[in-house]
Amino acid sequence: CEASGLLFSTYAMGWFRQTPGKERTKIGVIGWRGT
């Protein structure tokens, strides 16, 4: 996932997924410190 237009290093980045008829769910996240 390539980001532009924001100060990328200050944002946590999450991955999510969704299938038809179901709610979007969180796969995982990485914080700005790398956690």
Full PDB file with SEQRES, HELIX, SHEET, SSBOND, CRYST1, ORIGX, SCALE, CONECT and MASTER records, all heavy atoms in Angstrom:
SEQRES   1 A   35  CYS GLU ALA SER GLY LEU LEU PHE SER THR TYR ALA MET          
SEQRES   2 A   35  GLY TRP PHE ARG GLN THR PRO GLY LYS GLU ARG THR LYS          
SEQRES   3 A   35  ILE GLY VAL ILE GLY TRP ARG GLY THR                          
HELIX    1 AA1 PHE A    8  THR A   10  5                                   3    
SHEET    1 AA1 2 MET A  13  ARG A  17  0                                        
SHEET    2 AA1 2 THR A  25  ILE A  30 -1                                        
CRYST1    1.000    1.000    1.000  90.00  90.00  90.00 P 1           1          
ORIGX1      1.000000  0.000000  0.000000        0.00000                         
ORIGX2      0.000000  1.000000  0.000000        0.00000                         
ORIGX3      0.000000  0.000000  1.000000        0.00000                         
SCALE1      1.000000  0.000000  0.000000        0.00000                         
SCALE2      0.000000  1.000000  0.000000        0.00000                         
SCALE3      0.000000  0.000000  1.000000        0.00000                         
ATOM      1  N   CYS A   1       0.859  -1.174   0.000  1.00  0.00           N  
ATOM      2  CA  CYS A   1       0.000   0.000   0.000  1.00  0.00           C  
ATOM      3  C   CYS A   1       0.897   1.226   0.000  1.00  0.00           C  
ATOM      4  O   CYS A   1       1.677   1.423   0.940  1.00  0.00           O  
ATOM      5  CB  CYS A   1      -0.915  -0.012   1.221  1.00  0.00           C  
ATOM      6  SG  CYS A   1      -1.852   1.508   1.489  1.00  0.00           S  
ATOM      7  N   GLU A   2       0.801   2.008  -1.053  1.00  0.00           N  
ATOM      8  CA  GLU A   2       1.611   3.208  -1.194  1.00  0.00           C  
ATOM      9  C   GLU A   2       0.784   4.431  -0.833  1.00  0.00           C  
ATOM     10  O   GLU A   2      -0.304   4.630  -1.376  1.00  0.00           O  
ATOM     11  CB  GLU A   2       2.138   3.328  -2.620  1.00  0.00           C  
ATOM     12  CG  GLU A   2       3.062   4.504  -2.841  1.00  0.00           C  
ATOM     13  CD  GLU A   2       3.682   4.513  -4.217  1.00  0.00           C  
ATOM     14  OE1 GLU A   2       3.945   3.417  -4.755  1.00  0.00           O  
ATOM     15  OE2 GLU A   2       3.897   5.604  -4.766  1.00  0.00           O  
ATOM     16  N   ALA A   3       1.298   5.244   0.077  1.00  0.00           N  
ATOM     17  CA  ALA A   3       0.593   6.426   0.556  1.00  0.00           C  
ATOM     18  C   ALA A   3       1.237   7.696   0.030  1.00  0.00           C  
ATOM     19  O   ALA A   3       2.452   7.769  -0.142  1.00  0.00           O  
ATOM     20  CB  ALA A   3       0.574   6.457   2.088  1.00  0.00           C  
ATOM     21  N   SER A   4       0.415   8.707  -0.180  1.00  0.00           N  
ATOM     22  CA  SER A   4       0.904  10.020  -0.581  1.00  0.00           C  
ATOM     23  C   SER A   4       0.009  11.087   0.018  1.00  0.00           C  
ATOM     24  O   SER A   4      -1.149  10.831   0.351  1.00  0.00           O  
ATOM     25  CB  SER A   4       0.959  10.152  -2.108  1.00  0.00           C  
ATOM     26  OG  SER A   4      -0.331   9.994  -2.678  1.00  0.00           O  
ATOM     27  N   GLY A   5       0.549  12.290   0.171  1.00  0.00           N  
ATOM     28  CA  GLY A   5      -0.237  13.401   0.677  1.00  0.00           C  
ATOM     29  C   GLY A   5      -0.379  13.471   2.182  1.00  0.00           C  
ATOM     30  O   GLY A   5      -1.174  14.275   2.683  1.00  0.00           O  
ATOM     31  N   LEU A   6       0.365  12.658   2.911  1.00  0.00           N  
ATOM     32  CA  LEU A   6       0.343  12.691   4.366  1.00  0.00           C  
ATOM     33  C   LEU A   6       1.739  12.418   4.899  1.00  0.00           C  
ATOM     34  O   LEU A   6       2.582  11.862   4.190  1.00  0.00           O  
ATOM     35  CB  LEU A   6      -0.670  11.695   4.947  1.00  0.00           C  
ATOM     36  CG  LEU A   6      -0.310  10.201   4.980  1.00  0.00           C  
ATOM     37  CD1 LEU A   6      -1.309   9.451   5.847  1.00  0.00           C  
ATOM     38  CD2 LEU A   6      -0.254   9.605   3.587  1.00  0.00           C  
ATOM     39  N   LEU A   7       1.982  12.807   6.141  1.00  0.00           N  
ATOM     40  CA  LEU A   7       3.263  12.534   6.786  1.00  0.00           C  
ATOM     41  C   LEU A   7       3.217  11.089   7.261  1.00  0.00           C  
ATOM     42  O   LEU A   7       2.810  10.786   8.383  1.00  0.00           O  
ATOM     43  CB  LEU A   7       3.504  13.499   7.933  1.00  0.00           C  
ATOM     44  CG  LEU A   7       4.902  13.485   8.562  1.00  0.00           C  
ATOM     45  CD1 LEU A   7       5.972  13.717   7.506  1.00  0.00           C  
ATOM     46  CD2 LEU A   7       5.002  14.539   9.645  1.00  0.00           C  
ATOM     47  N   PHE A   8       3.658  10.192   6.388  1.00  0.00           N  
ATOM     48  CA  PHE A   8       3.455   8.766   6.558  1.00  0.00           C  
ATOM     49  C   PHE A   8       3.994   8.244   7.881  1.00  0.00           C  
ATOM     50  O   PHE A   8       3.352   7.417   8.538  1.00  0.00           O  
ATOM     51  CB  PHE A   8       4.105   8.030   5.376  1.00  0.00           C  
ATOM     52  CG  PHE A   8       3.940   6.548   5.409  1.00  0.00           C  
ATOM     53  CD1 PHE A   8       2.746   5.961   5.004  1.00  0.00           C  
ATOM     54  CD2 PHE A   8       4.970   5.732   5.830  1.00  0.00           C  
ATOM     55  CE1 PHE A   8       2.595   4.590   5.024  1.00  0.00           C  
ATOM     56  CE2 PHE A   8       4.827   4.356   5.849  1.00  0.00           C  
ATOM     57  CZ  PHE A   8       3.631   3.788   5.445  1.00  0.00           C  
ATOM     58  N   SER A   9       5.167   8.710   8.285  1.00  0.00           N  
ATOM     59  CA  SER A   9       5.830   8.164   9.467  1.00  0.00           C  
ATOM     60  C   SER A   9       5.092   8.447  10.766  1.00  0.00           C  
ATOM     61  O   SER A   9       5.390   7.819  11.787  1.00  0.00           O  
ATOM     62  CB  SER A   9       7.262   8.685   9.569  1.00  0.00           C  
ATOM     63  OG  SER A   9       7.279  10.090   9.713  1.00  0.00           O  
ATOM     64  N   THR A  10       4.145   9.372  10.773  1.00  0.00           N  
ATOM     65  CA  THR A  10       3.391   9.705  11.974  1.00  0.00           C  
ATOM     66  C   THR A  10       2.063   8.944  12.066  1.00  0.00           C  
ATOM     67  O   THR A  10       1.330   9.123  13.037  1.00  0.00           O  
ATOM     68  CB  THR A  10       3.094  11.206  12.055  1.00  0.00           C  
ATOM     69  OG1 THR A  10       2.174  11.582  11.022  1.00  0.00           O  
ATOM     70  CG2 THR A  10       4.379  12.021  11.907  1.00  0.00           C  
ATOM     71  N   TYR A  11       1.766   8.105  11.088  1.00  0.00           N  
ATOM     72  CA  TYR A  11       0.502   7.380  11.064  1.00  0.00           C  
ATOM     73  C   TYR A  11       0.689   5.896  11.350  1.00  0.00           C  
ATOM     74  O   TYR A  11       1.643   5.269  10.885  1.00  0.00           O  
ATOM     75  CB  TYR A  11      -0.179   7.526   9.701  1.00  0.00           C  
ATOM     76  CG  TYR A  11      -0.904   8.839   9.530  1.00  0.00           C  
ATOM     77  CD1 TYR A  11      -0.231   9.973   9.100  1.00  0.00           C  
ATOM     78  CD2 TYR A  11      -2.259   8.931   9.807  1.00  0.00           C  
ATOM     79  CE1 TYR A  11      -0.899  11.181   8.949  1.00  0.00           C  
ATOM     80  CE2 TYR A  11      -2.938  10.133   9.657  1.00  0.00           C  
ATOM     81  CZ  TYR A  11      -2.251  11.251   9.229  1.00  0.00           C  
ATOM     82  OH  TYR A  11      -2.916  12.438   9.073  1.00  0.00           O  
ATOM     83  N   ALA A  12      -0.229   5.345  12.118  1.00  0.00           N  
ATOM     84  CA  ALA A  12      -0.384   3.904  12.177  1.00  0.00           C  
ATOM     85  C   ALA A  12      -1.056   3.443  10.891  1.00  0.00           C  
ATOM     86  O   ALA A  12      -1.914   4.137  10.348  1.00  0.00           O  
ATOM     87  CB  ALA A  12      -1.230   3.507  13.385  1.00  0.00           C  
ATOM     88  N   MET A  13      -0.659   2.281  10.404  1.00  0.00           N  
ATOM     89  CA  MET A  13      -1.218   1.753   9.166  1.00  0.00           C  
ATOM     90  C   MET A  13      -1.870   0.405   9.435  1.00  0.00           C  
ATOM     91  O   MET A  13      -1.227  -0.510   9.960  1.00  0.00           O  
ATOM     92  CB  MET A  13      -0.141   1.607   8.101  1.00  0.00           C  
ATOM     93  CG  MET A  13       0.528   2.924   7.703  1.00  0.00           C  
ATOM     94  SD  MET A  13      -0.637   4.113   6.962  1.00  0.00           S  
ATOM     95  CE  MET A  13      -1.207   3.188   5.525  1.00  0.00           C  
ATOM     96  N   GLY A  14      -3.136   0.301   9.075  1.00  0.00           N  
ATOM     97  CA  GLY A  14      -3.887  -0.924   9.291  1.00  0.00           C  
ATOM     98  C   GLY A  14      -4.246  -1.614   7.995  1.00  0.00           C  
ATOM     99  O   GLY A  14      -4.323  -0.982   6.937  1.00  0.00           O  
ATOM    100  N   TRP A  15      -4.439  -2.915   8.096  1.00  0.00           N  
ATOM    101  CA  TRP A  15      -4.972  -3.719   6.998  1.00  0.00           C  
ATOM    102  C   TRP A  15      -6.315  -4.294   7.431  1.00  0.00           C  
ATOM    103  O   TRP A  15      -6.442  -4.815   8.545  1.00  0.00           O  
ATOM    104  CB  TRP A  15      -4.029  -4.847   6.609  1.00  0.00           C  
ATOM    105  CG  TRP A  15      -2.830  -4.404   5.824  1.00  0.00           C  
ATOM    106  CD1 TRP A  15      -1.580  -4.150   6.296  1.00  0.00           C  
ATOM    107  CD2 TRP A  15      -2.784  -4.179   4.409  1.00  0.00           C  
ATOM    108  NE1 TRP A  15      -0.751  -3.781   5.266  1.00  0.00           N  
ATOM    109  CE2 TRP A  15      -1.459  -3.791   4.096  1.00  0.00           C  
ATOM    110  CE3 TRP A  15      -3.719  -4.275   3.378  1.00  0.00           C  
ATOM    111  CZ2 TRP A  15      -1.058  -3.489   2.789  1.00  0.00           C  
ATOM    112  CZ3 TRP A  15      -3.319  -3.971   2.084  1.00  0.00           C  
ATOM    113  CH2 TRP A  15      -2.005  -3.587   1.806  1.00  0.00           C  
ATOM    114  N   PHE A  16      -7.292  -4.213   6.540  1.00  0.00           N  
ATOM    115  CA  PHE A  16      -8.645  -4.670   6.795  1.00  0.00           C  
ATOM    116  C   PHE A  16      -9.111  -5.504   5.616  1.00  0.00           C  
ATOM    117  O   PHE A  16      -8.531  -5.457   4.539  1.00  0.00           O  
ATOM    118  CB  PHE A  16      -9.594  -3.477   6.994  1.00  0.00           C  
ATOM    119  CG  PHE A  16      -9.195  -2.564   8.111  1.00  0.00           C  
ATOM    120  CD1 PHE A  16      -8.184  -1.629   7.947  1.00  0.00           C  
ATOM    121  CD2 PHE A  16      -9.839  -2.630   9.341  1.00  0.00           C  
ATOM    122  CE1 PHE A  16      -7.814  -0.776   8.973  1.00  0.00           C  
ATOM    123  CE2 PHE A  16      -9.478  -1.783  10.378  1.00  0.00           C  
ATOM    124  CZ  PHE A  16      -8.465  -0.861  10.195  1.00  0.00           C  
ATOM    125  N   ARG A  17     -10.178  -6.265   5.814  1.00  0.00           N  
ATOM    126  CA  ARG A  17     -10.740  -7.018   4.708  1.00  0.00           C  
ATOM    127  C   ARG A  17     -12.252  -7.117   4.852  1.00  0.00           C  
ATOM    128  O   ARG A  17     -12.799  -7.005   5.944  1.00  0.00           O  
ATOM    129  CB  ARG A  17     -10.117  -8.411   4.600  1.00  0.00           C  
ATOM    130  CG  ARG A  17     -10.341  -9.323   5.794  1.00  0.00           C  
ATOM    131  CD  ARG A  17      -9.519 -10.598   5.635  1.00  0.00           C  
ATOM    132  NE  ARG A  17      -9.700 -11.519   6.742  1.00  0.00           N  
ATOM    133  CZ  ARG A  17      -9.035 -12.647   6.894  1.00  0.00           C  
ATOM    134  NH1 ARG A  17      -8.131 -13.020   5.997  1.00  0.00           N  
ATOM    135  NH2 ARG A  17      -9.269 -13.433   7.947  1.00  0.00           N  
ATOM    136  N   GLN A  18     -12.913  -7.344   3.713  1.00  0.00           N  
ATOM    137  CA  GLN A  18     -14.365  -7.392   3.694  1.00  0.00           C  
ATOM    138  C   GLN A  18     -14.845  -8.305   2.578  1.00  0.00           C  
ATOM    139  O   GLN A  18     -14.324  -8.263   1.466  1.00  0.00           O  
ATOM    140  CB  GLN A  18     -14.943  -5.986   3.500  1.00  0.00           C  
ATOM    141  CG  GLN A  18     -16.450  -5.906   3.625  1.00  0.00           C  
ATOM    142  CD  GLN A  18     -16.939  -4.474   3.643  1.00  0.00           C  
ATOM    143  OE1 GLN A  18     -16.274  -3.565   3.146  1.00  0.00           O  
ATOM    144  NE2 GLN A  18     -18.109  -4.256   4.225  1.00  0.00           N  
ATOM    145  N   THR A  19     -15.848  -9.123   2.888  1.00  0.00           N  
ATOM    146  CA  THR A  19     -16.507  -9.967   1.900  1.00  0.00           C  
ATOM    147  C   THR A  19     -17.955  -9.517   1.774  1.00  0.00           C  
ATOM    148  O   THR A  19     -18.512  -8.912   2.700  1.00  0.00           O  
ATOM    149  CB  THR A  19     -16.445 -11.447   2.292  1.00  0.00           C  
ATOM    150  OG1 THR A  19     -17.016 -11.618   3.592  1.00  0.00           O  
ATOM    151  CG2 THR A  19     -15.006 -11.938   2.316  1.00  0.00           C  
ATOM    152  N   PRO A  20     -18.612  -9.799   0.631  1.00  0.00           N  
ATOM    153  CA  PRO A  20     -19.998  -9.365   0.457  1.00  0.00           C  
ATOM    154  C   PRO A  20     -20.904  -9.877   1.568  1.00  0.00           C  
ATOM    155  O   PRO A  20     -20.854 -11.047   1.938  1.00  0.00           O  
ATOM    156  CB  PRO A  20     -20.383  -9.963  -0.894  1.00  0.00           C  
ATOM    157  CG  PRO A  20     -19.089 -10.062  -1.631  1.00  0.00           C  
ATOM    158  CD  PRO A  20     -18.079 -10.433  -0.581  1.00  0.00           C  
ATOM    159  N   GLY A  21     -21.732  -8.980   2.099  1.00  0.00           N  
ATOM    160  CA  GLY A  21     -22.672  -9.341   3.141  1.00  0.00           C  
ATOM    161  C   GLY A  21     -22.094  -9.395   4.537  1.00  0.00           C  
ATOM    162  O   GLY A  21     -22.825  -9.696   5.480  1.00  0.00           O  
ATOM    163  N   LYS A  22     -20.804  -9.118   4.683  1.00  0.00           N  
ATOM    164  CA  LYS A  22     -20.169  -9.140   5.987  1.00  0.00           C  
ATOM    165  C   LYS A  22     -19.560  -7.783   6.303  1.00  0.00           C  
ATOM    166  O   LYS A  22     -19.228  -7.009   5.411  1.00  0.00           O  
ATOM    167  CB  LYS A  22     -19.082 -10.213   6.051  1.00  0.00           C  
ATOM    168  CG  LYS A  22     -19.587 -11.634   5.895  1.00  0.00           C  
ATOM    169  CD  LYS A  22     -18.451 -12.630   6.032  1.00  0.00           C  
ATOM    170  CE  LYS A  22     -18.941 -14.050   5.888  1.00  0.00           C  
ATOM    171  NZ  LYS A  22     -17.826 -15.030   6.017  1.00  0.00           N  
ATOM    172  N   GLU A  23     -19.409  -7.510   7.584  1.00  0.00           N  
ATOM    173  CA  GLU A  23     -18.787  -6.269   8.012  1.00  0.00           C  
ATOM    174  C   GLU A  23     -17.279  -6.329   7.812  1.00  0.00           C  
ATOM    175  O   GLU A  23     -16.665  -7.392   7.862  1.00  0.00           O  
ATOM    176  CB  GLU A  23     -19.117  -5.987   9.473  1.00  0.00           C  
ATOM    177  CG  GLU A  23     -20.597  -5.856   9.760  1.00  0.00           C  
ATOM    178  CD  GLU A  23     -20.900  -4.796  10.790  1.00  0.00           C  
ATOM    179  OE1 GLU A  23     -20.001  -4.468  11.588  1.00  0.00           O  
ATOM    180  OE2 GLU A  23     -22.023  -4.282  10.801  1.00  0.00           O  
ATOM    181  N   ARG A  24     -16.705  -5.172   7.566  1.00  0.00           N  
ATOM    182  CA  ARG A  24     -15.263  -5.073   7.437  1.00  0.00           C  
ATOM    183  C   ARG A  24     -14.604  -5.386   8.780  1.00  0.00           C  
ATOM    184  O   ARG A  24     -15.078  -4.958   9.830  1.00  0.00           O  
ATOM    185  CB  ARG A  24     -14.888  -3.670   6.966  1.00  0.00           C  
ATOM    186  CG  ARG A  24     -13.440  -3.499   6.557  1.00  0.00           C  
ATOM    187  CD  ARG A  24     -13.227  -2.134   5.904  1.00  0.00           C  
ATOM    188  NE  ARG A  24     -14.027  -1.988   4.691  1.00  0.00           N  
ATOM    189  CZ  ARG A  24     -14.009  -0.915   3.919  1.00  0.00           C  
ATOM    190  NH1 ARG A  24     -13.230   0.112   4.214  1.00  0.00           N  
ATOM    191  NH2 ARG A  24     -14.781  -0.876   2.843  1.00  0.00           N  
ATOM    192  N   THR A  25     -13.507  -6.134   8.739  1.00  0.00           N  
ATOM    193  CA  THR A  25     -12.804  -6.520   9.953  1.00  0.00           C  
ATOM    194  C   THR A  25     -11.329  -6.159   9.854  1.00  0.00           C  
ATOM    195  O   THR A  25     -10.757  -6.090   8.763  1.00  0.00           O  
ATOM    196  CB  THR A  25     -12.937  -8.018  10.236  1.00  0.00           C  
ATOM    197  OG1 THR A  25     -12.393  -8.766   9.141  1.00  0.00           O  
ATOM    198  CG2 THR A  25     -14.399  -8.413  10.426  1.00  0.00           C  
ATOM    199  N   LYS A  26     -10.717  -5.953  11.009  1.00  0.00           N  
ATOM    200  CA  LYS A  26      -9.313  -5.608  11.059  1.00  0.00           C  
ATOM    201  C   LYS A  26      -8.453  -6.860  10.996  1.00  0.00           C  
ATOM    202  O   LYS A  26      -8.674  -7.819  11.726  1.00  0.00           O  
ATOM    203  CB  LYS A  26      -9.004  -4.826  12.336  1.00  0.00           C  
ATOM    204  CG  LYS A  26      -7.550  -4.349  12.424  1.00  0.00           C  
ATOM    205  CD  LYS A  26      -7.270  -3.624  13.735  1.00  0.00           C  
ATOM    206  CE  LYS A  26      -7.942  -2.279  13.774  1.00  0.00           C  
ATOM    207  NZ  LYS A  26      -7.570  -1.525  15.013  1.00  0.00           N  
ATOM    208  N   ILE A  27      -7.475  -6.838  10.108  1.00  0.00           N  
ATOM    209  CA  ILE A  27      -6.483  -7.907  10.013  1.00  0.00           C  
ATOM    210  C   ILE A  27      -5.357  -7.665  11.008  1.00  0.00           C  
ATOM    211  O   ILE A  27      -4.950  -8.550  11.755  1.00  0.00           O  
ATOM    212  CB  ILE A  27      -5.912  -7.996   8.598  1.00  0.00           C  
ATOM    213  CG1 ILE A  27      -6.999  -8.351   7.595  1.00  0.00           C  
ATOM    214  CG2 ILE A  27      -4.765  -8.997   8.533  1.00  0.00           C  
ATOM    215  CD1 ILE A  27      -6.577  -8.123   6.156  1.00  0.00           C  
ATOM    216  N   GLY A  28      -4.853  -6.453  11.010  1.00  0.00           N  
ATOM    217  CA  GLY A  28      -3.766  -6.084  11.888  1.00  0.00           C  
ATOM    218  C   GLY A  28      -3.357  -4.652  11.644  1.00  0.00           C  
ATOM    219  O   GLY A  28      -3.864  -3.987  10.747  1.00  0.00           O  
ATOM    220  N   VAL A  29      -2.428  -4.191  12.457  1.00  0.00           N  
ATOM    221  CA  VAL A  29      -1.998  -2.804  12.382  1.00  0.00           C  
ATOM    222  C   VAL A  29      -0.533  -2.707  12.765  1.00  0.00           C  
ATOM    223  O   VAL A  29      -0.026  -3.520  13.547  1.00  0.00           O  
ATOM    224  CB  VAL A  29      -2.880  -1.918  13.302  1.00  0.00           C  
ATOM    225  CG1 VAL A  29      -2.748  -2.345  14.763  1.00  0.00           C  
ATOM    226  CG2 VAL A  29      -2.553  -0.441  13.136  1.00  0.00           C  
ATOM    227  N   ILE A  30       0.146  -1.731  12.206  1.00  0.00           N  
ATOM    228  CA  ILE A  30       1.521  -1.420  12.600  1.00  0.00           C  
ATOM    229  C   ILE A  30       1.576   0.039  13.001  1.00  0.00           C  
ATOM    230  O   ILE A  30       1.122   0.921  12.275  1.00  0.00           O  
ATOM    231  CB  ILE A  30       2.532  -1.754  11.482  1.00  0.00           C  
ATOM    232  CG1 ILE A  30       3.962  -1.505  11.956  1.00  0.00           C  
ATOM    233  CG2 ILE A  30       2.229  -0.985  10.200  1.00  0.00           C  
ATOM    234  CD1 ILE A  30       5.015  -2.122  11.039  1.00  0.00           C  
ATOM    235  N   GLY A  31       2.097   0.308  14.182  1.00  0.00           N  
ATOM    236  CA  GLY A  31       2.182   1.659  14.695  1.00  0.00           C  
ATOM    237  C   GLY A  31       3.376   2.413  14.151  1.00  0.00           C  
ATOM    238  O   GLY A  31       4.250   1.839  13.488  1.00  0.00           O  
ATOM    239  N   TRP A  32       3.420   3.689  14.447  1.00  0.00           N  
ATOM    240  CA  TRP A  32       4.523   4.497  13.917  1.00  0.00           C  
ATOM    241  C   TRP A  32       5.858   4.130  14.546  1.00  0.00           C  
ATOM    242  O   TRP A  32       6.907   4.430  13.972  1.00  0.00           O  
ATOM    243  CB  TRP A  32       4.230   5.985  14.067  1.00  0.00           C  
ATOM    244  CG  TRP A  32       4.038   6.482  15.475  1.00  0.00           C  
ATOM    245  CD1 TRP A  32       2.872   6.536  16.175  1.00  0.00           C  
ATOM    246  CD2 TRP A  32       5.048   7.024  16.334  1.00  0.00           C  
ATOM    247  NE1 TRP A  32       3.088   7.082  17.418  1.00  0.00           N  
ATOM    248  CE2 TRP A  32       4.412   7.392  17.536  1.00  0.00           C  
ATOM    249  CE3 TRP A  32       6.422   7.236  16.197  1.00  0.00           C  
ATOM    250  CZ2 TRP A  32       5.112   7.953  18.605  1.00  0.00           C  
ATOM    251  CZ3 TRP A  32       7.118   7.797  17.257  1.00  0.00           C  
ATOM    252  CH2 TRP A  32       6.459   8.152  18.439  1.00  0.00           C  
ATOM    253  N   ARG A  33       5.840   3.478  15.716  1.00  0.00           N  
ATOM    254  CA  ARG A  33       7.062   2.984  16.336  1.00  0.00           C  
ATOM    255  C   ARG A  33       7.438   1.586  15.846  1.00  0.00           C  
ATOM    256  O   ARG A  33       8.485   1.068  16.242  1.00  0.00           O  
ATOM    257  CB  ARG A  33       6.921   2.963  17.853  1.00  0.00           C  
ATOM    258  CG  ARG A  33       6.807   4.337  18.495  1.00  0.00           C  
ATOM    259  CD  ARG A  33       6.747   4.214  20.008  1.00  0.00           C  
ATOM    260  NE  ARG A  33       6.607   5.512  20.655  1.00  0.00           N  
ATOM    261  CZ  ARG A  33       7.624   6.297  20.991  1.00  0.00           C  
ATOM    262  NH1 ARG A  33       8.871   5.916  20.739  1.00  0.00           N  
ATOM    263  NH2 ARG A  33       7.392   7.463  21.574  1.00  0.00           N  
ATOM    264  N   GLY A  34       6.584   0.968  15.010  1.00  0.00           N  
ATOM    265  CA  GLY A  34       6.859  -0.351  14.485  1.00  0.00           C  
ATOM    266  C   GLY A  34       6.191  -1.491  15.221  1.00  0.00           C  
ATOM    267  O   GLY A  34       6.339  -2.647  14.811  1.00  0.00           O  
ATOM    268  N   THR A  35       5.474  -1.217  16.284  1.00  0.00           N  
ATOM    269  CA  THR A  35       4.740  -2.252  17.004  1.00  0.00           C  
ATOM    270  C   THR A  35       3.609  -2.788  16.134  1.00  0.00           C  
ATOM    271  O   THR A  35       2.930  -2.024  15.458  1.00  0.00           O  
ATOM    272  CB  THR A  35       4.175  -1.698  18.308  1.00  0.00           C  
ATOM    273  OG1 THR A  35       5.243  -1.192  19.111  1.00  0.00           O  
ATOM    274  CG2 THR A  35       3.434  -2.775  19.088  1.00  0.00           C  
TER     275      THR A  35                                                      
MASTER        0    0    0    1    2    0    0    6  274    1    0    3          
END                                                                             
